[in-house]
Amino acid sequence: MKPLIHFLAFSLVVLISACSSELVNEPAEPKDELLSFENKGLPLALKNALPENIEVLPEISFNEQFGYFEVHINGELSFILSEDQLSIEDVKSELSNDQLFTYKYYDQGENSLLYQAILPDGTEYMYHYVKTIEVNQRKFVMRSEHDAEHTLRSIKLLKSVINNIVPIKQT
């Protein structure tokens, strides 16, 4: 009977140490990566440094009709992510050809632009944001949906999310 008790005690010690060593050796999840777009074929990831009012992980889906990804956040905000050679200067040129709106440019950088559409009567209207990023000679454009009406508050929130998208190598 004593050998059986010793064997059971020894087995219990081995089992406990095996379980605890598995936990120690288990690879840790990257703490700064919230959502990787790698499974969608994009070398991008959304970092964890998001505004507190983002409660739900963004959902990403591919729009086959238009050939771009749609990213939805909290059910309210969304933006388009596409692989495109479009530059900020191209966006400004595109906007200058608009026959309805005129545009004010705010917070312009080499790879980003926050702008506002102005109605013909001078009424300030919706805001938009666009950013470009290059990864391994592939260029991506992230922009607020052009048909959506964004307030300055919502576009700043969207901008903070877009600015937390980085090349997968940097995560």
N, C-alpha and C. Protein backbone atom coordinates (compact mmCIF):
# COMPACT_ATOMS: atom_id res chain seq x y z
N MET A 1 0.82 -1.19 0.00
CA MET A 1 0.00 0.00 0.00
C MET A 1 0.87 1.26 0.00
N LYS A 2 1.98 1.24 0.79
CA LYS A 2 2.86 2.39 0.84
C LYS A 2 3.45 2.71 -0.54
N PRO A 3 3.91 1.70 -1.31
CA PRO A 3 4.43 2.02 -2.64
C PRO A 3 3.38 2.66 -3.54
N LEU A 4 2.12 2.25 -3.40
CA LEU A 4 1.05 2.83 -4.21
C LEU A 4 0.86 4.30 -3.85
N ILE A 5 0.90 4.63 -2.56
CA ILE A 5 0.75 6.02 -2.11
C ILE A 5 1.92 6.85 -2.62
N HIS A 6 3.15 6.29 -2.52
CA HIS A 6 4.33 7.00 -3.02
C HIS A 6 4.23 7.23 -4.53
N PHE A 7 3.77 6.20 -5.24
CA PHE A 7 3.62 6.32 -6.69
C PHE A 7 2.59 7.39 -7.03
N LEU A 8 1.44 7.41 -6.33
CA LEU A 8 0.41 8.41 -6.59
C LEU A 8 0.91 9.81 -6.26
N ALA A 9 1.62 9.95 -5.14
CA ALA A 9 2.18 11.24 -4.76
C ALA A 9 3.18 11.72 -5.80
N PHE A 10 4.06 10.81 -6.24
CA PHE A 10 5.05 11.14 -7.25
C PHE A 10 4.37 11.54 -8.57
N SER A 11 3.34 10.80 -8.95
CA SER A 11 2.60 11.10 -10.18
C SER A 11 1.93 12.46 -10.10
N LEU A 12 1.39 12.79 -8.93
CA LEU A 12 0.75 14.08 -8.74
C LEU A 12 1.77 15.21 -8.86
N VAL A 13 2.94 15.05 -8.28
CA VAL A 13 4.00 16.06 -8.37
C VAL A 13 4.44 16.24 -9.82
N VAL A 14 4.62 15.14 -10.55
CA VAL A 14 5.03 15.21 -11.95
C VAL A 14 3.95 15.90 -12.77
N LEU A 15 2.69 15.56 -12.52
CA LEU A 15 1.58 16.16 -13.25
C LEU A 15 1.51 17.66 -13.00
N ILE A 16 1.64 18.07 -11.76
CA ILE A 16 1.59 19.50 -11.42
C ILE A 16 2.75 20.25 -12.05
N SER A 17 3.94 19.69 -11.99
CA SER A 17 5.10 20.38 -12.58
C SER A 17 4.98 20.43 -14.09
N ALA A 18 4.43 19.41 -14.71
CA ALA A 18 4.26 19.41 -16.17
C ALA A 18 3.26 20.48 -16.57
N CYS A 19 2.18 20.60 -15.83
CA CYS A 19 1.17 21.62 -16.15
C CYS A 19 1.73 23.02 -15.97
N SER A 20 2.46 23.25 -14.89
CA SER A 20 2.98 24.58 -14.64
C SER A 20 4.08 24.92 -15.64
N SER A 21 4.88 23.97 -16.09
CA SER A 21 5.93 24.27 -17.06
C SER A 21 5.32 24.56 -18.43
N GLU A 22 4.18 23.94 -18.75
CA GLU A 22 3.51 24.25 -20.01
C GLU A 22 3.05 25.70 -20.02
N LEU A 23 2.54 26.18 -18.89
CA LEU A 23 2.09 27.56 -18.81
C LEU A 23 3.25 28.52 -18.96
N VAL A 24 4.39 28.20 -18.38
CA VAL A 24 5.55 29.07 -18.45
C VAL A 24 6.11 29.11 -19.87
N ASN A 25 6.13 27.97 -20.56
CA ASN A 25 6.73 27.89 -21.89
C ASN A 25 5.78 28.30 -23.00
N GLU A 26 4.53 28.54 -22.67
CA GLU A 26 3.55 28.91 -23.69
C GLU A 26 3.89 30.29 -24.25
N PRO A 27 3.93 30.43 -25.58
CA PRO A 27 4.29 31.74 -26.14
C PRO A 27 3.24 32.78 -25.78
N ALA A 28 3.71 33.95 -25.43
CA ALA A 28 2.80 35.02 -25.03
C ALA A 28 2.23 35.69 -26.28
N GLU A 29 1.00 36.14 -26.16
CA GLU A 29 0.38 36.89 -27.24
C GLU A 29 1.05 38.26 -27.31
N PRO A 30 1.24 38.79 -28.50
CA PRO A 30 1.80 40.14 -28.58
C PRO A 30 0.84 41.11 -27.89
N LYS A 31 1.34 41.87 -26.96
CA LYS A 31 0.46 42.73 -26.17
C LYS A 31 0.06 43.99 -26.92
N ASP A 32 0.86 44.41 -27.89
CA ASP A 32 0.54 45.65 -28.56
C ASP A 32 -0.28 45.46 -29.83
N GLU A 33 -0.59 44.24 -30.19
CA GLU A 33 -1.36 44.01 -31.41
C GLU A 33 -2.80 43.66 -31.04
N LEU A 34 -3.72 44.44 -31.56
CA LEU A 34 -5.12 44.19 -31.28
C LEU A 34 -5.75 43.36 -32.39
N LEU A 35 -5.46 43.71 -33.62
CA LEU A 35 -6.09 43.03 -34.75
C LEU A 35 -5.12 43.01 -35.91
N SER A 36 -4.82 41.83 -36.40
CA SER A 36 -3.94 41.69 -37.56
C SER A 36 -4.80 41.52 -38.80
N PHE A 37 -4.41 42.20 -39.87
CA PHE A 37 -5.09 42.07 -41.14
C PHE A 37 -4.35 41.07 -42.03
N GLU A 38 -3.36 40.38 -41.47
CA GLU A 38 -2.53 39.46 -42.24
C GLU A 38 -3.36 38.34 -42.87
N ASN A 39 -4.36 37.85 -42.14
CA ASN A 39 -5.20 36.77 -42.69
C ASN A 39 -6.04 37.24 -43.88
N LYS A 40 -6.12 38.55 -44.10
CA LYS A 40 -6.82 39.11 -45.25
C LYS A 40 -5.84 39.44 -46.38
N GLY A 41 -4.56 39.07 -46.19
CA GLY A 41 -3.55 39.34 -47.21
C GLY A 41 -2.93 40.71 -47.11
N LEU A 42 -3.16 41.39 -46.00
CA LEU A 42 -2.62 42.74 -45.81
C LEU A 42 -1.53 42.71 -44.73
N PRO A 43 -0.37 43.27 -45.00
CA PRO A 43 0.71 43.26 -44.01
C PRO A 43 0.55 44.38 -42.98
N LEU A 44 -0.65 44.50 -42.41
CA LEU A 44 -0.97 45.58 -41.49
C LEU A 44 -1.59 45.03 -40.22
N ALA A 45 -1.45 45.80 -39.15
CA ALA A 45 -2.07 45.44 -37.88
C ALA A 45 -2.56 46.70 -37.19
N LEU A 46 -3.61 46.55 -36.42
CA LEU A 46 -4.16 47.64 -35.64
C LEU A 46 -3.59 47.53 -34.24
N LYS A 47 -2.87 48.57 -33.82
CA LYS A 47 -2.24 48.56 -32.50
C LYS A 47 -3.27 48.71 -31.39
N ASN A 48 -2.87 48.35 -30.20
CA ASN A 48 -3.76 48.34 -29.04
C ASN A 48 -4.01 49.72 -28.47
N ALA A 49 -3.29 50.72 -28.88
CA ALA A 49 -3.43 52.06 -28.30
C ALA A 49 -4.62 52.79 -28.91
N LEU A 50 -5.80 52.27 -28.65
CA LEU A 50 -7.02 52.86 -29.21
C LEU A 50 -7.72 53.74 -28.19
N PRO A 51 -8.53 54.67 -28.65
CA PRO A 51 -9.31 55.49 -27.71
C PRO A 51 -10.20 54.60 -26.84
N GLU A 52 -10.45 55.06 -25.64
CA GLU A 52 -11.24 54.27 -24.68
C GLU A 52 -12.66 53.99 -25.16
N ASN A 53 -13.22 54.87 -25.98
CA ASN A 53 -14.60 54.66 -26.41
C ASN A 53 -14.73 53.67 -27.56
N ILE A 54 -13.62 53.03 -27.97
CA ILE A 54 -13.70 51.93 -28.92
C ILE A 54 -13.84 50.66 -28.09
N GLU A 55 -15.03 50.10 -28.10
CA GLU A 55 -15.32 48.98 -27.22
C GLU A 55 -15.31 47.64 -27.94
N VAL A 56 -15.53 47.64 -29.22
CA VAL A 56 -15.66 46.41 -29.98
C VAL A 56 -14.52 46.32 -30.99
N LEU A 57 -13.95 45.14 -31.14
CA LEU A 57 -12.91 44.97 -32.14
C LEU A 57 -13.46 45.33 -33.51
N PRO A 58 -12.67 46.03 -34.31
CA PRO A 58 -13.13 46.34 -35.66
C PRO A 58 -13.38 45.08 -36.47
N GLU A 59 -14.37 45.15 -37.33
CA GLU A 59 -14.68 44.04 -38.24
C GLU A 59 -14.20 44.45 -39.62
N ILE A 60 -13.58 43.52 -40.33
CA ILE A 60 -13.07 43.81 -41.66
C ILE A 60 -13.69 42.84 -42.65
N SER A 61 -14.19 43.39 -43.76
CA SER A 61 -14.78 42.56 -44.81
C SER A 61 -14.34 43.10 -46.16
N PHE A 62 -14.30 42.22 -47.14
CA PHE A 62 -13.88 42.62 -48.48
C PHE A 62 -15.11 42.90 -49.33
N ASN A 63 -15.15 44.05 -49.94
CA ASN A 63 -16.23 44.43 -50.85
C ASN A 63 -15.78 44.05 -52.25
N GLU A 64 -16.29 42.93 -52.74
CA GLU A 64 -15.87 42.41 -54.04
C GLU A 64 -16.30 43.31 -55.19
N GLN A 65 -17.41 43.99 -55.03
CA GLN A 65 -17.91 44.86 -56.09
C GLN A 65 -16.94 46.01 -56.37
N PHE A 66 -16.37 46.58 -55.32
CA PHE A 66 -15.48 47.73 -55.49
C PHE A 66 -14.00 47.38 -55.30
N GLY A 67 -13.69 46.19 -54.78
CA GLY A 67 -12.31 45.75 -54.64
C GLY A 67 -11.55 46.39 -53.50
N TYR A 68 -12.22 46.69 -52.41
CA TYR A 68 -11.53 47.22 -51.24
C TYR A 68 -12.09 46.59 -49.97
N PHE A 69 -11.35 46.79 -48.88
CA PHE A 69 -11.78 46.29 -47.58
C PHE A 69 -12.57 47.39 -46.88
N GLU A 70 -13.61 46.97 -46.16
CA GLU A 70 -14.39 47.88 -45.33
C GLU A 70 -14.13 47.51 -43.89
N VAL A 71 -13.74 48.48 -43.09
CA VAL A 71 -13.46 48.26 -41.68
C VAL A 71 -14.53 49.00 -40.88
N HIS A 72 -15.29 48.26 -40.07
CA HIS A 72 -16.37 48.84 -39.27
C HIS A 72 -15.97 48.82 -37.80
N ILE A 73 -16.20 49.95 -37.13
CA ILE A 73 -15.81 50.11 -35.74
C ILE A 73 -17.03 50.52 -34.92
N ASN A 74 -17.32 49.76 -33.87
CA ASN A 74 -18.43 50.06 -32.96
C ASN A 74 -19.77 50.21 -33.68
N GLY A 75 -19.89 49.72 -34.89
CA GLY A 75 -21.15 49.80 -35.61
C GLY A 75 -21.47 51.18 -36.14
N GLU A 76 -20.68 52.20 -35.77
CA GLU A 76 -20.96 53.58 -36.18
C GLU A 76 -19.97 54.09 -37.21
N LEU A 77 -18.71 53.83 -36.97
CA LEU A 77 -17.66 54.35 -37.82
C LEU A 77 -17.17 53.29 -38.79
N SER A 78 -16.75 53.73 -39.94
CA SER A 78 -16.17 52.79 -40.88
C SER A 78 -15.22 53.54 -41.80
N PHE A 79 -14.29 52.79 -42.34
CA PHE A 79 -13.39 53.36 -43.34
C PHE A 79 -13.05 52.30 -44.35
N ILE A 80 -12.48 52.75 -45.45
CA ILE A 80 -12.11 51.89 -46.56
C ILE A 80 -10.60 51.73 -46.56
N LEU A 81 -10.15 50.51 -46.79
CA LEU A 81 -8.72 50.22 -46.87
C LEU A 81 -8.49 49.52 -48.20
N SER A 82 -7.63 50.10 -49.03
CA SER A 82 -7.38 49.51 -50.34
C SER A 82 -5.90 49.55 -50.68
N GLU A 83 -5.50 48.64 -51.53
CA GLU A 83 -4.14 48.68 -52.05
C GLU A 83 -4.21 49.55 -53.29
N ASP A 84 -3.51 50.69 -53.24
CA ASP A 84 -3.66 51.70 -54.28
C ASP A 84 -2.42 52.58 -54.30
N GLN A 85 -2.07 53.12 -55.45
CA GLN A 85 -0.92 54.01 -55.59
C GLN A 85 -1.29 55.47 -55.35
N LEU A 86 -2.49 55.72 -54.88
CA LEU A 86 -2.99 57.07 -54.65
C LEU A 86 -2.14 57.80 -53.62
N SER A 87 -1.79 59.05 -53.92
CA SER A 87 -1.04 59.88 -52.98
C SER A 87 -1.97 60.96 -52.43
N ILE A 88 -1.50 61.69 -51.44
CA ILE A 88 -2.29 62.79 -50.88
C ILE A 88 -2.50 63.87 -51.95
N GLU A 89 -1.50 64.11 -52.76
CA GLU A 89 -1.65 65.08 -53.86
C GLU A 89 -2.71 64.60 -54.86
N ASP A 90 -2.77 63.30 -55.10
CA ASP A 90 -3.81 62.76 -55.98
C ASP A 90 -5.20 63.00 -55.39
N VAL A 91 -5.33 62.82 -54.09
CA VAL A 91 -6.61 63.05 -53.40
C VAL A 91 -7.02 64.51 -53.57
N LYS A 92 -6.08 65.43 -53.34
CA LYS A 92 -6.38 66.85 -53.47
C LYS A 92 -6.76 67.20 -54.91
N SER A 93 -6.10 66.59 -55.86
CA SER A 93 -6.43 66.82 -57.27
C SER A 93 -7.84 66.32 -57.58
N GLU A 94 -8.15 65.15 -57.04
CA GLU A 94 -9.49 64.56 -57.20
C GLU A 94 -10.55 65.49 -56.62
N LEU A 95 -10.29 66.03 -55.44
CA LEU A 95 -11.23 66.92 -54.78
C LEU A 95 -11.39 68.24 -55.53
N SER A 96 -10.32 68.72 -56.15
CA SER A 96 -10.40 69.99 -56.87
C SER A 96 -11.31 69.89 -58.10
N ASN A 97 -11.56 68.68 -58.58
CA ASN A 97 -12.44 68.47 -59.73
C ASN A 97 -13.90 68.28 -59.34
N ASP A 98 -14.20 68.33 -58.04
CA ASP A 98 -15.57 68.18 -57.56
C ASP A 98 -16.40 69.37 -58.02
N GLN A 99 -17.54 69.11 -58.64
CA GLN A 99 -18.40 70.17 -59.17
C GLN A 99 -19.39 70.72 -58.14
N LEU A 100 -19.54 70.05 -57.00
CA LEU A 100 -20.51 70.48 -56.00
C LEU A 100 -19.83 71.15 -54.80
N PHE A 101 -18.88 70.47 -54.21
CA PHE A 101 -18.26 70.95 -52.98
C PHE A 101 -16.94 71.66 -53.27
N THR A 102 -16.60 72.56 -52.35
CA THR A 102 -15.23 73.04 -52.26
C THR A 102 -14.70 72.44 -50.97
N TYR A 103 -13.39 72.49 -50.77
CA TYR A 103 -12.80 71.80 -49.62
C TYR A 103 -11.82 72.68 -48.88
N LYS A 104 -11.83 72.52 -47.55
CA LYS A 104 -10.82 73.13 -46.68
C LYS A 104 -9.93 71.99 -46.20
N TYR A 105 -8.63 72.24 -46.24
CA TYR A 105 -7.68 71.21 -45.80
C TYR A 105 -7.17 71.56 -44.42
N TYR A 106 -7.22 70.57 -43.54
CA TYR A 106 -6.72 70.70 -42.18
C TYR A 106 -5.73 69.57 -41.94
N ASP A 107 -4.85 69.78 -41.03
CA ASP A 107 -3.98 68.70 -40.54
C ASP A 107 -3.39 67.87 -41.69
N GLN A 108 -2.74 68.57 -42.62
CA GLN A 108 -2.17 67.90 -43.79
C GLN A 108 -0.73 67.50 -43.51
N GLY A 109 -0.42 66.25 -43.83
CA GLY A 109 0.95 65.76 -43.74
C GLY A 109 1.33 65.14 -45.06
N GLU A 110 2.54 64.61 -45.14
CA GLU A 110 3.01 63.99 -46.37
C GLU A 110 2.15 62.78 -46.75
N ASN A 111 1.67 62.05 -45.72
CA ASN A 111 0.91 60.83 -45.97
C ASN A 111 -0.50 60.87 -45.39
N SER A 112 -0.98 62.04 -45.03
CA SER A 112 -2.33 62.10 -44.45
C SER A 112 -2.96 63.46 -44.71
N LEU A 113 -4.29 63.47 -44.65
CA LEU A 113 -5.03 64.70 -44.88
C LEU A 113 -6.39 64.61 -44.22
N LEU A 114 -6.71 65.60 -43.41
CA LEU A 114 -8.05 65.77 -42.86
C LEU A 114 -8.65 66.95 -43.61
N TYR A 115 -9.83 66.78 -44.18
CA TYR A 115 -10.42 67.85 -44.96
C TYR A 115 -11.92 67.94 -44.71
N GLN A 116 -12.48 69.09 -45.09
CA GLN A 116 -13.90 69.34 -44.88
C GLN A 116 -14.54 69.80 -46.19
N ALA A 117 -15.71 69.25 -46.46
CA ALA A 117 -16.48 69.65 -47.64
C ALA A 117 -17.33 70.86 -47.28
N ILE A 118 -17.38 71.82 -48.20
CA ILE A 118 -18.17 73.04 -48.02
C ILE A 118 -19.21 73.11 -49.15
N LEU A 119 -20.46 73.29 -48.77
CA LEU A 119 -21.54 73.41 -49.76
C LEU A 119 -21.41 74.73 -50.54
N PRO A 120 -22.03 74.81 -51.72
CA PRO A 120 -21.93 76.03 -52.53
C PRO A 120 -22.39 77.31 -51.81
N ASP A 121 -23.32 77.19 -50.87
CA ASP A 121 -23.78 78.38 -50.14
C ASP A 121 -22.85 78.76 -48.99
N GLY A 122 -21.74 78.03 -48.84
CA GLY A 122 -20.77 78.34 -47.79
C GLY A 122 -20.97 77.56 -46.51
N THR A 123 -22.01 76.75 -46.47
CA THR A 123 -22.28 75.95 -45.28
C THR A 123 -21.21 74.87 -45.13
N GLU A 124 -20.59 74.86 -43.97
CA GLU A 124 -19.59 73.83 -43.70
C GLU A 124 -20.32 72.51 -43.50
N TYR A 125 -19.80 71.48 -44.14
CA TYR A 125 -20.52 70.22 -44.18
C TYR A 125 -19.69 69.12 -43.52
N MET A 126 -19.49 68.03 -44.17
CA MET A 126 -18.86 66.86 -43.57
C MET A 126 -17.34 66.90 -43.63
N TYR A 127 -16.73 66.11 -42.74
CA TYR A 127 -15.27 65.98 -42.68
C TYR A 127 -14.86 64.60 -43.19
N HIS A 128 -13.62 64.52 -43.68
CA HIS A 128 -13.06 63.26 -44.15
C HIS A 128 -11.59 63.18 -43.78
N TYR A 129 -11.09 61.96 -43.77
CA TYR A 129 -9.68 61.73 -43.48
C TYR A 129 -9.15 60.66 -44.40
N VAL A 130 -7.93 60.84 -44.87
CA VAL A 130 -7.27 59.86 -45.72
C VAL A 130 -5.80 59.75 -45.29
N LYS A 131 -5.30 58.53 -45.33
CA LYS A 131 -3.89 58.28 -44.98
C LYS A 131 -3.34 57.19 -45.90
N THR A 132 -2.08 57.35 -46.29
CA THR A 132 -1.41 56.33 -47.08
C THR A 132 -0.29 55.72 -46.26
N ILE A 133 0.02 54.47 -46.56
CA ILE A 133 1.09 53.76 -45.88
C ILE A 133 1.72 52.80 -46.88
N GLU A 134 3.05 52.70 -46.84
CA GLU A 134 3.74 51.79 -47.76
C GLU A 134 4.43 50.69 -46.96
N VAL A 135 4.25 49.45 -47.42
CA VAL A 135 4.86 48.28 -46.79
C VAL A 135 5.42 47.39 -47.89
N ASN A 136 6.72 47.17 -47.88
CA ASN A 136 7.36 46.28 -48.87
C ASN A 136 6.94 46.60 -50.30
N GLN A 137 7.09 47.84 -50.70
CA GLN A 137 6.74 48.32 -52.05
C GLN A 137 5.25 48.19 -52.38
N ARG A 138 4.42 47.89 -51.39
CA ARG A 138 2.97 47.89 -51.58
C ARG A 138 2.42 49.13 -50.89
N LYS A 139 1.56 49.86 -51.57
CA LYS A 139 1.01 51.09 -51.01
C LYS A 139 -0.47 50.88 -50.69
N PHE A 140 -0.86 51.31 -49.50
CA PHE A 140 -2.23 51.17 -49.04
C PHE A 140 -2.81 52.54 -48.72
N VAL A 141 -4.10 52.68 -48.99
CA VAL A 141 -4.82 53.92 -48.70
C VAL A 141 -5.96 53.59 -47.75
N MET A 142 -6.03 54.35 -46.68
CA MET A 142 -7.13 54.23 -45.72
C MET A 142 -7.86 55.56 -45.73
N ARG A 143 -9.16 55.50 -45.95
CA ARG A 143 -9.91 56.75 -46.01
C ARG A 143 -11.32 56.55 -45.49
N SER A 144 -11.85 57.63 -44.91
CA SER A 144 -13.25 57.58 -44.47
C SER A 144 -14.12 57.37 -45.69
N GLU A 145 -15.24 56.71 -45.47
CA GLU A 145 -16.15 56.48 -46.60
C GLU A 145 -16.64 57.82 -47.13
N HIS A 146 -16.48 58.02 -48.42
CA HIS A 146 -16.78 59.33 -49.01
C HIS A 146 -18.26 59.67 -48.95
N ASP A 147 -19.13 58.67 -48.95
CA ASP A 147 -20.57 58.92 -48.93
C ASP A 147 -21.10 59.14 -47.51
N ALA A 148 -20.31 58.82 -46.51
CA ALA A 148 -20.77 58.97 -45.12
C ALA A 148 -20.57 60.42 -44.66
N GLU A 149 -21.46 60.87 -43.79
CA GLU A 149 -21.37 62.22 -43.25
C GLU A 149 -20.71 62.15 -41.88
N HIS A 150 -19.48 62.61 -41.81
CA HIS A 150 -18.72 62.57 -40.56
C HIS A 150 -18.66 63.95 -39.93
N THR A 151 -18.91 64.00 -38.62
CA THR A 151 -18.71 65.23 -37.87
C THR A 151 -17.22 65.34 -37.55
N LEU A 152 -16.80 66.49 -37.07
CA LEU A 152 -15.40 66.65 -36.70
C LEU A 152 -15.04 65.69 -35.57
N ARG A 153 -15.95 65.51 -34.64
CA ARG A 153 -15.71 64.60 -33.53
C ARG A 153 -15.53 63.15 -34.01
N SER A 154 -16.43 62.69 -34.89
CA SER A 154 -16.34 61.31 -35.36
C SER A 154 -15.12 61.11 -36.26
N ILE A 155 -14.75 62.13 -37.04
CA ILE A 155 -13.60 61.96 -37.93
C ILE A 155 -12.30 61.96 -37.12
N LYS A 156 -12.27 62.69 -36.00
CA LYS A 156 -11.07 62.64 -35.14
C LYS A 156 -10.93 61.26 -34.51
N LEU A 157 -12.03 60.65 -34.14
CA LEU A 157 -12.00 59.29 -33.60
C LEU A 157 -11.54 58.31 -34.68
N LEU A 158 -12.09 58.44 -35.87
CA LEU A 158 -11.69 57.60 -36.99
C LEU A 158 -10.21 57.80 -37.31
N LYS A 159 -9.76 59.04 -37.28
CA LYS A 159 -8.35 59.35 -37.54
C LYS A 159 -7.45 58.66 -36.52
N SER A 160 -7.85 58.67 -35.26
CA SER A 160 -7.02 58.02 -34.23
C SER A 160 -6.93 56.51 -34.45
N VAL A 161 -8.00 55.91 -34.95
CA VAL A 161 -7.97 54.48 -35.25
C VAL A 161 -7.06 54.22 -36.46
N ILE A 162 -7.25 54.97 -37.52
CA ILE A 162 -6.44 54.79 -38.73
C ILE A 162 -4.97 55.01 -38.43
N ASN A 163 -4.66 55.98 -37.60
CA ASN A 163 -3.25 56.26 -37.27
C ASN A 163 -2.63 55.18 -36.41
N ASN A 164 -3.42 54.25 -35.89
CA ASN A 164 -2.90 53.12 -35.12
C ASN A 164 -2.73 51.88 -35.99
N ILE A 165 -2.90 52.01 -37.27
CA ILE A 165 -2.64 50.90 -38.20
C ILE A 165 -1.21 51.04 -38.68
N VAL A 166 -0.44 50.00 -38.48
CA VAL A 166 0.99 50.03 -38.79
C VAL A 166 1.39 48.80 -39.60
N PRO A 167 2.53 48.88 -40.27
CA PRO A 167 3.03 47.68 -40.95
C PRO A 167 3.22 46.55 -39.94
N ILE A 168 2.95 45.33 -40.35
CA ILE A 168 3.00 44.17 -39.46
C ILE A 168 4.39 43.99 -38.86
N LYS A 169 5.44 44.40 -39.57
CA LYS A 169 6.81 44.27 -39.08
C LYS A 169 7.05 45.09 -37.83
N GLN A 170 6.34 46.22 -37.68
CA GLN A 170 6.56 47.13 -36.56
C GLN A 170 5.77 46.76 -35.33
N THR A 171 4.94 45.73 -35.37
CA THR A 171 4.11 45.40 -34.22
C THR A 171 4.87 44.58 -33.21
